[in-house]
């Protein structure tokens, strides 16, 4: 006698769908991607600061901005930071900002 094995589906009923599909269905894909990108940028800037042994106060002074403004730049949750600010911080740390736009359907 053969028994059938049922596939369990998660509470939201997303059996077999990709994470991107789930985010699309929930209407939050763009927001999640923006936060993910900002987290990576924040981490990269913090790592560059650590390697250069540069404090927040010193970098803020070099960028001619306040430490609280620099804190917003380094906050991984704050995606509302201008490209100019990110670019200036990268240059101050001996880095450069490179932006790449890819096809939305790329795997």
PDB file of N, CA and C in Angstrom:
ATOM      1  N   UNK A   1       0.835  -1.170   0.000  1.00  0.00           N
ATOM      2  CA  UNK A   1       0.000   0.000   0.000  1.00  0.00           C
ATOM      3  C   UNK A   1       0.885   1.240   0.000  1.00  0.00           C
ATOM      4  N   UNK A   2       0.645   2.101  -0.939  1.00  0.00           N
ATOM      5  CA  UNK A   2       1.411   3.341  -1.042  1.00  0.00           C
ATOM      6  C   UNK A   2       0.690   4.449  -0.294  1.00  0.00           C
ATOM      7  N   UNK A   3       1.490   5.240   0.399  1.00  0.00           N
ATOM      8  CA  UNK A   3       0.909   6.394   1.079  1.00  0.00           C
ATOM      9  C   UNK A   3       1.362   7.656   0.376  1.00  0.00           C
ATOM     10  N   UNK A   4       0.472   8.562   0.294  1.00  0.00           N
ATOM     11  CA  UNK A   4       0.809   9.838  -0.332  1.00  0.00           C
ATOM     12  C   UNK A   4       1.402  10.772   0.708  1.00  0.00           C
ATOM     13  N   UNK A   5       2.468  11.431   0.336  1.00  0.00           N
ATOM     14  CA  UNK A   5       3.088  12.417   1.211  1.00  0.00           C
ATOM     15  C   UNK A   5       2.635  13.784   0.756  1.00  0.00           C
ATOM     16  N   UNK A   6       2.003  14.482   1.666  1.00  0.00           N
ATOM     17  CA  UNK A   6       1.550  15.836   1.346  1.00  0.00           C
ATOM     18  C   UNK A   6       2.665  16.824   1.607  1.00  0.00           C
ATOM     19  N   UNK A   7       2.826  17.746   0.695  1.00  0.00           N
ATOM     20  CA  UNK A   7       3.772  18.843   0.914  1.00  0.00           C
ATOM     21  C   UNK A   7       3.136  19.842   1.851  1.00  0.00           C
ATOM     22  N   UNK A   8       3.900  20.232   2.838  1.00  0.00           N
ATOM     23  CA  UNK A   8       3.404  21.265   3.737  1.00  0.00           C
ATOM     24  C   UNK A   8       3.587  22.614   3.077  1.00  0.00           C
ATOM     25  N   UNK A   9       2.599  23.436   3.199  1.00  0.00           N
ATOM     26  CA  UNK A   9       2.750  24.807   2.721  1.00  0.00           C
ATOM     27  C   UNK A   9       2.857  25.711   3.935  1.00  0.00           C
ATOM     28  N   UNK A  10       3.531  26.829   3.759  1.00  0.00           N
ATOM     29  CA  UNK A  10       3.661  27.750   4.892  1.00  0.00           C
ATOM     30  C   UNK A  10       2.344  28.475   5.121  1.00  0.00           C
ATOM     31  N   UNK A  11       2.280  29.209   6.188  1.00  0.00           N
ATOM     32  CA  UNK A  11       1.035  29.878   6.590  1.00  0.00           C
ATOM     33  C   UNK A  11       0.501  30.816   5.519  1.00  0.00           C
ATOM     34  N   UNK A  12       1.387  31.421   4.752  1.00  0.00           N
ATOM     35  CA  UNK A  12       0.954  32.383   3.739  1.00  0.00           C
ATOM     36  C   UNK A  12       0.615  31.693   2.420  1.00  0.00           C
ATOM     37  N   UNK A  13       0.840  30.383   2.323  1.00  0.00           N
ATOM     38  CA  UNK A  13       0.498  29.662   1.104  1.00  0.00           C
ATOM     39  C   UNK A  13       1.451  29.925  -0.044  1.00  0.00           C
ATOM     40  N   UNK A  14       2.719  30.054   0.234  1.00  0.00           N
ATOM     41  CA  UNK A  14       3.703  30.374  -0.801  1.00  0.00           C
ATOM     42  C   UNK A  14       4.549  29.157  -1.175  1.00  0.00           C
ATOM     43  N   UNK A  15       3.939  27.998  -1.263  1.00  0.00           N
ATOM     44  CA  UNK A  15       4.672  26.791  -1.592  1.00  0.00           C
ATOM     45  C   UNK A  15       5.321  26.926  -2.962  1.00  0.00           C
ATOM     46  N   UNK A  16       6.632  26.734  -2.998  1.00  0.00           N
ATOM     47  CA  UNK A  16       7.350  26.724  -4.268  1.00  0.00           C
ATOM     48  C   UNK A  16       7.662  28.077  -4.860  1.00  0.00           C
ATOM     49  N   UNK A  17       7.169  29.146  -4.294  1.00  0.00           N
ATOM     50  CA  UNK A  17       7.459  30.449  -4.878  1.00  0.00           C
ATOM     51  C   UNK A  17       8.822  30.941  -4.392  1.00  0.00           C
ATOM     52  N   UNK A  18       9.407  31.819  -5.155  1.00  0.00           N
ATOM     53  CA  UNK A  18      10.699  32.375  -4.752  1.00  0.00           C
ATOM     54  C   UNK A  18      10.487  33.484  -3.736  1.00  0.00           C
ATOM     55  N   UNK A  19      11.563  33.825  -3.058  1.00  0.00           N
ATOM     56  CA  UNK A  19      11.489  34.908  -2.084  1.00  0.00           C
ATOM     57  C   UNK A  19      11.119  36.215  -2.782  1.00  0.00           C
ATOM     58  N   UNK A  20      11.669  36.438  -3.978  1.00  0.00           N
ATOM     59  CA  UNK A  20      11.330  37.645  -4.742  1.00  0.00           C
ATOM     60  C   UNK A  20       9.837  37.681  -5.061  1.00  0.00           C
ATOM     61  N   UNK A  21       9.281  36.536  -5.421  1.00  0.00           N
ATOM     62  CA  UNK A  21       7.847  36.475  -5.717  1.00  0.00           C
ATOM     63  C   UNK A  21       7.027  36.811  -4.478  1.00  0.00           C
ATOM     64  N   UNK A  22       7.466  36.280  -3.350  1.00  0.00           N
ATOM     65  CA  UNK A  22       6.777  36.574  -2.093  1.00  0.00           C
ATOM     66  C   UNK A  22       6.788  38.071  -1.807  1.00  0.00           C
ATOM     67  N   UNK A  23       7.969  38.700  -1.955  1.00  0.00           N
ATOM     68  CA  UNK A  23       8.076  40.136  -1.704  1.00  0.00           C
ATOM     69  C   UNK A  23       7.196  40.922  -2.666  1.00  0.00           C
ATOM     70  N   UNK A  24       7.136  40.484  -3.910  1.00  0.00           N
ATOM     71  CA  UNK A  24       6.266  41.132  -4.907  1.00  0.00           C
ATOM     72  C   UNK A  24       4.804  41.020  -4.482  1.00  0.00           C
ATOM     73  N   UNK A  25       4.398  39.812  -4.080  1.00  0.00           N
ATOM     74  CA  UNK A  25       3.007  39.595  -3.665  1.00  0.00           C
ATOM     75  C   UNK A  25       2.636  40.468  -2.471  1.00  0.00           C
ATOM     76  N   UNK A  26       3.587  40.670  -1.581  1.00  0.00           N
ATOM     77  CA  UNK A  26       3.333  41.485  -0.394  1.00  0.00           C
ATOM     78  C   UNK A  26       3.450  42.983  -0.690  1.00  0.00           C
ATOM     79  N   UNK A  27       3.963  43.331  -1.876  1.00  0.00           N
ATOM     80  CA  UNK A  27       4.111  44.730  -2.264  1.00  0.00           C
ATOM     81  C   UNK A  27       5.247  45.452  -1.553  1.00  0.00           C
ATOM     82  N   UNK A  28       6.266  44.693  -1.145  1.00  0.00           N
ATOM     83  CA  UNK A  28       7.359  45.301  -0.374  1.00  0.00           C
ATOM     84  C   UNK A  28       8.743  45.056  -0.982  1.00  0.00           C
ATOM     85  N   UNK A  29       8.791  44.545  -2.193  1.00  0.00           N
ATOM     86  CA  UNK A  29      10.080  44.185  -2.781  1.00  0.00           C
ATOM     87  C   UNK A  29      11.021  45.377  -2.890  1.00  0.00           C
ATOM     88  N   UNK A  30      10.548  46.489  -3.421  1.00  0.00           N
ATOM     89  CA  UNK A  30      11.412  47.662  -3.600  1.00  0.00           C
ATOM     90  C   UNK A  30      11.945  48.172  -2.269  1.00  0.00           C
ATOM     91  N   UNK A  31      11.093  48.211  -1.266  1.00  0.00           N
ATOM     92  CA  UNK A  31      11.506  48.682   0.059  1.00  0.00           C
ATOM     93  C   UNK A  31      12.563  47.750   0.658  1.00  0.00           C
ATOM     94  N   UNK A  32      12.346  46.455   0.555  1.00  0.00           N
ATOM     95  CA  UNK A  32      13.284  45.474   1.101  1.00  0.00           C
ATOM     96  C   UNK A  32      14.619  45.564   0.379  1.00  0.00           C
ATOM     97  N   UNK A  33      14.582  45.715  -0.937  1.00  0.00           N
ATOM     98  CA  UNK A  33      15.825  45.829  -1.703  1.00  0.00           C
ATOM     99  C   UNK A  33      16.589  47.103  -1.334  1.00  0.00           C
ATOM    100  N   UNK A  34      15.863  48.210  -1.144  1.00  0.00           N
ATOM    101  CA  UNK A  34      16.517  49.473  -0.773  1.00  0.00           C
ATOM    102  C   UNK A  34      17.199  49.345   0.583  1.00  0.00           C
ATOM    103  N   UNK A  35      16.538  48.710   1.529  1.00  0.00           N
ATOM    104  CA  UNK A  35      17.140  48.525   2.859  1.00  0.00           C
ATOM    105  C   UNK A  35      18.346  47.600   2.757  1.00  0.00           C
ATOM    106  N   UNK A  36      18.247  46.550   1.939  1.00  0.00           N
ATOM    107  CA  UNK A  36      19.373  45.618   1.775  1.00  0.00           C
ATOM    108  C   UNK A  36      20.587  46.325   1.176  1.00  0.00           C
ATOM    109  N   UNK A  37      20.355  47.138   0.170  1.00  0.00           N
ATOM    110  CA  UNK A  37      21.452  47.894  -0.452  1.00  0.00           C
ATOM    111  C   UNK A  37      22.071  48.844   0.565  1.00  0.00           C
ATOM    112  N   UNK A  38      21.226  49.532   1.334  1.00  0.00           N
ATOM    113  CA  UNK A  38      21.732  50.476   2.331  1.00  0.00           C
ATOM    114  C   UNK A  38      22.525  49.764   3.413  1.00  0.00           C
ATOM    115  N   UNK A  39      22.101  48.582   3.797  1.00  0.00           N
ATOM    116  CA  UNK A  39      22.856  47.813   4.793  1.00  0.00           C
ATOM    117  C   UNK A  39      24.252  47.487   4.282  1.00  0.00           C
ATOM    118  N   UNK A  40      24.341  47.092   3.033  1.00  0.00           N
ATOM    119  CA  UNK A  40      25.648  46.763   2.450  1.00  0.00           C
ATOM    120  C   UNK A  40      26.529  48.006   2.393  1.00  0.00           C
ATOM    121  N   UNK A  41      25.973  49.121   1.941  1.00  0.00           N
ATOM    122  CA  UNK A  41      26.746  50.359   1.857  1.00  0.00           C
ATOM    123  C   UNK A  41      27.202  50.801   3.242  1.00  0.00           C
ATOM    124  N   UNK A  42      26.309  50.747   4.216  1.00  0.00           N
ATOM    125  CA  UNK A  42      26.666  51.133   5.585  1.00  0.00           C
ATOM    126  C   UNK A  42      27.785  50.259   6.121  1.00  0.00           C
ATOM    127  N   UNK A  43      27.670  48.966   5.885  1.00  0.00           N
ATOM    128  CA  UNK A  43      28.705  48.035   6.346  1.00  0.00           C
ATOM    129  C   UNK A  43      30.042  48.326   5.665  1.00  0.00           C
ATOM    130  N   UNK A  44      30.017  48.567   4.352  1.00  0.00           N
ATOM    131  CA  UNK A  44      31.254  48.849   3.624  1.00  0.00           C
ATOM    132  C   UNK A  44      31.919  50.129   4.119  1.00  0.00           C
ATOM    133  N   UNK A  45      31.127  51.158   4.369  1.00  0.00           N
ATOM    134  CA  UNK A  45      31.690  52.413   4.882  1.00  0.00           C
ATOM    135  C   UNK A  45      32.264  52.208   6.284  1.00  0.00           C
ATOM    136  N   UNK A  46      31.547  51.484   7.134  1.00  0.00           N
ATOM    137  CA  UNK A  46      32.035  51.225   8.494  1.00  0.00           C
ATOM    138  C   UNK A  46      33.331  50.412   8.463  1.00  0.00           C
ATOM    139  N   UNK A  47      33.412  49.437   7.568  1.00  0.00           N
ATOM    140  CA  UNK A  47      34.638  48.641   7.429  1.00  0.00           C
ATOM    141  C   UNK A  47      35.802  49.500   6.947  1.00  0.00           C
ATOM    142  N   UNK A  48      35.540  50.386   5.994  1.00  0.00           N
ATOM    143  CA  UNK A  48      36.595  51.282   5.500  1.00  0.00           C
ATOM    144  C   UNK A  48      37.062  52.207   6.616  1.00  0.00           C
ATOM    145  N   UNK A  49      36.127  52.694   7.431  1.00  0.00           N
ATOM    146  CA  UNK A  49      36.494  53.535   8.578  1.00  0.00           C
ATOM    147  C   UNK A  49      37.374  52.753   9.550  1.00  0.00           C
ATOM    148  N   UNK A  50      36.991  51.512   9.816  1.00  0.00           N
ATOM    149  CA  UNK A  50      37.750  50.684  10.744  1.00  0.00           C
ATOM    150  C   UNK A  50      39.170  50.442  10.221  1.00  0.00           C
ATOM    151  N   UNK A  51      39.286  50.118   8.938  1.00  0.00           N
ATOM    152  CA  UNK A  51      40.600  49.846   8.349  1.00  0.00           C
ATOM    153  C   UNK A  51      41.482  51.092   8.325  1.00  0.00           C
ATOM    154  N   UNK A  52      40.869  52.246   8.113  1.00  0.00           N
ATOM    155  CA  UNK A  52      41.620  53.507   8.084  1.00  0.00           C
ATOM    156  C   UNK A  52      41.789  54.098   9.482  1.00  0.00           C
ATOM    157  N   UNK A  53      41.193  53.423  10.477  1.00  0.00           N
ATOM    158  CA  UNK A  53      41.225  53.905  11.864  1.00  0.00           C
ATOM    159  C   UNK A  53      40.705  55.337  11.966  1.00  0.00           C
ATOM    160  N   UNK A  54      39.589  55.565  11.268  1.00  0.00           N
ATOM    161  CA  UNK A  54      38.976  56.898  11.242  1.00  0.00           C
ATOM    162  C   UNK A  54      37.730  56.889  12.108  1.00  0.00           C
ATOM    163  N   UNK A  55      37.652  57.812  13.036  1.00  0.00           N
ATOM    164  CA  UNK A  55      36.488  57.909  13.916  1.00  0.00           C
ATOM    165  C   UNK A  55      35.338  58.613  13.184  1.00  0.00           C
ATOM    166  N   UNK A  56      34.139  58.459  13.754  1.00  0.00           N
ATOM    167  CA  UNK A  56      32.978  59.158  13.192  1.00  0.00           C
ATOM    168  C   UNK A  56      33.202  60.663  13.247  1.00  0.00           C
ATOM    169  N   UNK A  57      33.759  61.125  14.356  1.00  0.00           N
ATOM    170  CA  UNK A  57      33.988  62.559  14.519  1.00  0.00           C
ATOM    171  C   UNK A  57      34.965  63.071  13.453  1.00  0.00           C
ATOM    172  N   UNK A  58      36.035  62.332  13.202  1.00  0.00           N
ATOM    173  CA  UNK A  58      37.025  62.758  12.208  1.00  0.00           C
ATOM    174  C   UNK A  58      36.434  62.749  10.807  1.00  0.00           C
ATOM    175  N   UNK A  59      35.658  61.713  10.483  1.00  0.00           N
ATOM    176  CA  UNK A  59      35.052  61.646   9.152  1.00  0.00           C
ATOM    177  C   UNK A  59      34.010  62.746   8.981  1.00  0.00           C
ATOM    178  N   UNK A  60      33.213  62.993   9.993  1.00  0.00           N
ATOM    179  CA  UNK A  60      32.217  64.066   9.924  1.00  0.00           C
ATOM    180  C   UNK A  60      32.896  65.404   9.685  1.00  0.00           C
ATOM    181  N   UNK A  61      33.994  65.647  10.377  1.00  0.00           N
ATOM    182  CA  UNK A  61      34.738  66.903  10.196  1.00  0.00           C
ATOM    183  C   UNK A  61      35.267  66.997   8.760  1.00  0.00           C
ATOM    184  N   UNK A  62      35.801  65.894   8.238  1.00  0.00           N
ATOM    185  CA  UNK A  62      36.334  65.887   6.872  1.00  0.00           C
ATOM    186  C   UNK A  62      35.243  66.119   5.833  1.00  0.00           C
ATOM    187  N   UNK A  63      34.041  65.616   6.116  1.00  0.00           N
ATOM    188  CA  UNK A  63      32.909  65.792   5.202  1.00  0.00           C
ATOM    189  C   UNK A  63      32.183  67.116   5.425  1.00  0.00           C
ATOM    190  N   UNK A  64      32.643  67.880   6.415  1.00  0.00           N
ATOM    191  CA  UNK A  64      32.013  69.158   6.756  1.00  0.00           C
ATOM    192  C   UNK A  64      30.526  68.964   7.077  1.00  0.00           C
ATOM    193  N   UNK A  65      30.282  67.980   7.950  1.00  0.00           N
ATOM    194  CA  UNK A  65      28.915  67.678   8.359  1.00  0.00           C
ATOM    195  C   UNK A  65      28.902  67.349   9.846  1.00  0.00           C
ATOM    196  N   UNK A  66      27.741  67.130  10.377  1.00  0.00           N
ATOM    197  CA  UNK A  66      27.628  66.806  11.806  1.00  0.00           C
ATOM    198  C   UNK A  66      27.765  65.299  12.026  1.00  0.00           C
ATOM    199  N   UNK A  67      28.075  64.958  13.250  1.00  0.00           N
ATOM    200  CA  UNK A  67      28.180  63.536  13.578  1.00  0.00           C
ATOM    201  C   UNK A  67      26.810  62.870  13.468  1.00  0.00           C
ATOM    202  N   UNK A  68      25.745  63.589  13.810  1.00  0.00           N
ATOM    203  CA  UNK A  68      24.406  63.003  13.693  1.00  0.00           C
ATOM    204  C   UNK A  68      24.057  62.718  12.226  1.00  0.00           C
ATOM    205  N   UNK A  69      24.507  63.578  11.327  1.00  0.00           N
ATOM    206  CA  UNK A  69      24.292  63.329   9.891  1.00  0.00           C
ATOM    207  C   UNK A  69      25.079  62.094   9.457  1.00  0.00           C
ATOM    208  N   UNK A  70      26.286  61.946   9.966  1.00  0.00           N
ATOM    209  CA  UNK A  70      27.098  60.774   9.648  1.00  0.00           C
ATOM    210  C   UNK A  70      26.450  59.510  10.228  1.00  0.00           C
ATOM    211  N   UNK A  71      25.868  59.628  11.405  1.00  0.00           N
ATOM    212  CA  UNK A  71      25.153  58.488  11.991  1.00  0.00           C
ATOM    213  C   UNK A  71      24.008  58.036  11.086  1.00  0.00           C
ATOM    214  N   UNK A  72      23.308  58.976  10.479  1.00  0.00           N
ATOM    215  CA  UNK A  72      22.232  58.618   9.539  1.00  0.00           C
ATOM    216  C   UNK A  72      22.803  57.899   8.317  1.00  0.00           C
ATOM    217  N   UNK A  73      23.951  58.349   7.851  1.00  0.00           N
ATOM    218  CA  UNK A  73      24.600  57.698   6.713  1.00  0.00           C
ATOM    219  C   UNK A  73      24.980  56.261   7.061  1.00  0.00           C
ATOM    220  N   UNK A  74      25.465  56.043   8.261  1.00  0.00           N
ATOM    221  CA  UNK A  74      25.909  54.713   8.687  1.00  0.00           C
ATOM    222  C   UNK A  74      24.783  53.832   9.238  1.00  0.00           C
ATOM    223  N   UNK A  75      23.586  54.393   9.378  1.00  0.00           N
ATOM    224  CA  UNK A  75      22.436  53.634   9.879  1.00  0.00           C
ATOM    225  C   UNK A  75      21.925  52.713   8.772  1.00  0.00           C
ATOM    226  N   UNK A  76      22.035  51.394   8.949  1.00  0.00           N
ATOM    227  CA  UNK A  76      21.618  50.468   7.891  1.00  0.00           C
ATOM    228  C   UNK A  76      20.129  50.511   7.582  1.00  0.00           C
ATOM    229  N   UNK A  77      19.324  51.011   8.491  1.00  0.00           N
ATOM    230  CA  UNK A  77      17.879  51.077   8.272  1.00  0.00           C
ATOM    231  C   UNK A  77      17.445  52.343   7.530  1.00  0.00           C
ATOM    232  N   UNK A  78      18.294  53.347   7.474  1.00  0.00           N
ATOM    233  CA  UNK A  78      17.935  54.626   6.851  1.00  0.00           C
ATOM    234  C   UNK A  78      18.345  54.622   5.382  1.00  0.00           C
ATOM    235  N   UNK A  79      17.374  54.359   4.506  1.00  0.00           N
ATOM    236  CA  UNK A  79      17.653  54.295   3.075  1.00  0.00           C
ATOM    237  C   UNK A  79      17.538  55.663   2.406  1.00  0.00           C
ATOM    238  N   UNK A  80      17.169  56.691   3.165  1.00  0.00           N
ATOM    239  CA  UNK A  80      16.973  58.033   2.603  1.00  0.00           C
ATOM    240  C   UNK A  80      18.254  58.860   2.710  1.00  0.00           C
ATOM    241  N   UNK A  81      19.295  58.376   2.076  1.00  0.00           N
ATOM    242  CA  UNK A  81      20.582  59.083   2.065  1.00  0.00           C
ATOM    243  C   UNK A  81      20.922  59.363   0.613  1.00  0.00           C
ATOM    244  N   UNK A  82      21.385  60.568   0.332  1.00  0.00           N
ATOM    245  CA  UNK A  82      21.648  60.931  -1.057  1.00  0.00           C
ATOM    246  C   UNK A  82      22.908  60.255  -1.594  1.00  0.00           C
ATOM    247  N   UNK A  83      22.928  60.058  -2.886  1.00  0.00           N
ATOM    248  CA  UNK A  83      24.112  59.490  -3.530  1.00  0.00           C
ATOM    249  C   UNK A  83      25.317  60.406  -3.352  1.00  0.00           C
ATOM    250  N   UNK A  84      25.086  61.699  -3.334  1.00  0.00           N
ATOM    251  CA  UNK A  84      26.177  62.649  -3.137  1.00  0.00           C
ATOM    252  C   UNK A  84      26.842  62.428  -1.782  1.00  0.00           C
ATOM    253  N   UNK A  85      26.040  62.229  -0.742  1.00  0.00           N
ATOM    254  CA  UNK A  85      26.584  62.000   0.599  1.00  0.00           C
ATOM    255  C   UNK A  85      27.381  60.705   0.642  1.00  0.00           C
ATOM    256  N   UNK A  86      26.833  59.648   0.058  1.00  0.00           N
ATOM    257  CA  UNK A  86      27.540  58.364   0.020  1.00  0.00           C
ATOM    258  C   UNK A  86      28.840  58.502  -0.765  1.00  0.00           C
ATOM    259  N   UNK A  87      28.782  59.188  -1.885  1.00  0.00           N
ATOM    260  CA  UNK A  87      29.960  59.386  -2.727  1.00  0.00           C
ATOM    261  C   UNK A  87      31.053  60.175  -2.000  1.00  0.00           C
ATOM    262  N   UNK A  88      30.661  61.253  -1.308  1.00  0.00           N
ATOM    263  CA  UNK A  88      31.646  62.052  -0.570  1.00  0.00           C
ATOM    264  C   UNK A  88      32.304  61.239   0.543  1.00  0.00           C
ATOM    265  N   UNK A  89      31.504  60.435   1.241  1.00  0.00           N
ATOM    266  CA  UNK A  89      32.053  59.594   2.308  1.00  0.00           C
ATOM    267  C   UNK A  89      33.006  58.552   1.732  1.00  0.00           C
ATOM    268  N   UNK A  90      32.626  57.952   0.624  1.00  0.00           N
ATOM    269  CA  UNK A  90      33.497  56.959  -0.019  1.00  0.00           C
ATOM    270  C   UNK A  90      34.838  57.579  -0.396  1.00  0.00           C
ATOM    271  N   UNK A  91      34.797  58.755  -1.000  1.00  0.00           N
ATOM    272  CA  UNK A  91      36.043  59.434  -1.400  1.00  0.00           C
ATOM    273  C   UNK A  91      36.903  59.786  -0.186  1.00  0.00           C
ATOM    274  N   UNK A  92      36.272  60.220   0.885  1.00  0.00           N
ATOM    275  CA  UNK A  92      37.010  60.568   2.102  1.00  0.00           C
ATOM    276  C   UNK A  92      37.709  59.350   2.702  1.00  0.00           C
ATOM    277  N   UNK A  93      37.209  58.151   2.372  1.00  0.00           N
ATOM    278  CA  UNK A  93      37.791  56.915   2.885  1.00  0.00           C
ATOM    279  C   UNK A  93      38.670  56.219   1.845  1.00  0.00           C
ATOM    280  N   UNK A  94      38.977  56.939   0.765  1.00  0.00           N
ATOM    281  CA  UNK A  94      39.834  56.367  -0.272  1.00  0.00           C
ATOM    282  C   UNK A  94      39.126  55.348  -1.144  1.00  0.00           C
ATOM    283  N   UNK A  95      37.820  55.433  -1.224  1.00  0.00           N
ATOM    284  CA  UNK A  95      37.009  54.505  -2.026  1.00  0.00           C
ATOM    285  C   UNK A  95      36.276  55.294  -3.095  1.00  0.00           C
ATOM    286  N   UNK A  96      35.626  54.561  -3.987  1.00  0.00           N
ATOM    287  CA  UNK A  96      34.751  55.234  -4.942  1.00  0.00           C
ATOM    288  C   UNK A  96      33.454  54.468  -5.061  1.00  0.00           C
ATOM    289  N   UNK A  97      32.415  55.201  -5.344  1.00  0.00           N
ATOM    290  CA  UNK A  97      31.076  54.627  -5.437  1.00  0.00           C
ATOM    291  C   UNK A  97      30.843  54.168  -6.871  1.00  0.00           C
ATOM    292  N   UNK A  98      30.430  52.923  -7.022  1.00  0.00           N
ATOM    293  CA  UNK A  98      30.088  52.375  -8.328  1.00  0.00           C
ATOM    294  C   UNK A  98      28.655  51.869  -8.247  1.00  0.00           C
ATOM    295  N   UNK A  99      27.825  52.317  -9.161  1.00  0.00           N
ATOM    296  CA  UNK A  99      26.422  51.905  -9.179  1.00  0.00           C
ATOM    297  C   UNK A  99      26.184  51.110 -10.445  1.00  0.00           C
ATOM    298  N   UNK A 100      25.477  50.004 -10.278  1.00  0.00           N
ATOM    299  CA  UNK A 100      25.192  49.120 -11.406  1.00  0.00           C
ATOM    300  C   UNK A 100      23.683  48.898 -11.464  1.00  0.00           C
ATOM    301  N   UNK A 101      23.101  49.078 -12.632  1.00  0.00           N
ATOM    302  CA  UNK A 101      21.675  48.812 -12.811  1.00  0.00           C
ATOM    303  C   UNK A 101      21.547  47.548 -13.649  1.00  0.00           C
ATOM    304  N   UNK A 102      20.762  46.597 -13.148  1.00  0.00           N
ATOM    305  CA  UNK A 102      20.601  45.307 -13.813  1.00  0.00           C
ATOM    306  C   UNK A 102      19.158  45.120 -14.244  1.00  0.00           C
ATOM    307  N   UNK A 103      18.950  44.180 -15.165  1.00  0.00           N
ATOM    308  CA  UNK A 103      17.595  43.851 -15.589  1.00  0.00           C
ATOM    309  C   UNK A 103      16.806  43.322 -14.401  1.00  0.00           C
ATOM    310  N   UNK A 104      15.541  43.690 -14.325  1.00  0.00           N
ATOM    311  CA  UNK A 104      14.702  43.261 -13.219  1.00  0.00           C
ATOM    312  C   UNK A 104      14.459  41.765 -13.244  1.00  0.00           C
ATOM    313  N   UNK A 105      14.481  41.154 -14.386  1.00  0.00           N
ATOM    314  CA  UNK A 105      14.182  39.723 -14.527  1.00  0.00           C
ATOM    315  C   UNK A 105      15.447  38.865 -14.460  1.00  0.00           C
ATOM    316  N   UNK A 106      16.609  39.476 -14.156  1.00  0.00           N
ATOM    317  CA  UNK A 106      17.850  38.697 -14.090  1.00  0.00           C
ATOM    318  C   UNK A 106      17.759  37.691 -12.957  1.00  0.00           C
ATOM    319  N   UNK A 107      18.303  36.518 -13.162  1.00  0.00           N
ATOM    320  CA  UNK A 107      18.220  35.477 -12.131  1.00  0.00           C
ATOM    321  C   UNK A 107      19.355  35.572 -11.155  1.00  0.00           C
TER     322      UNK A 107
END
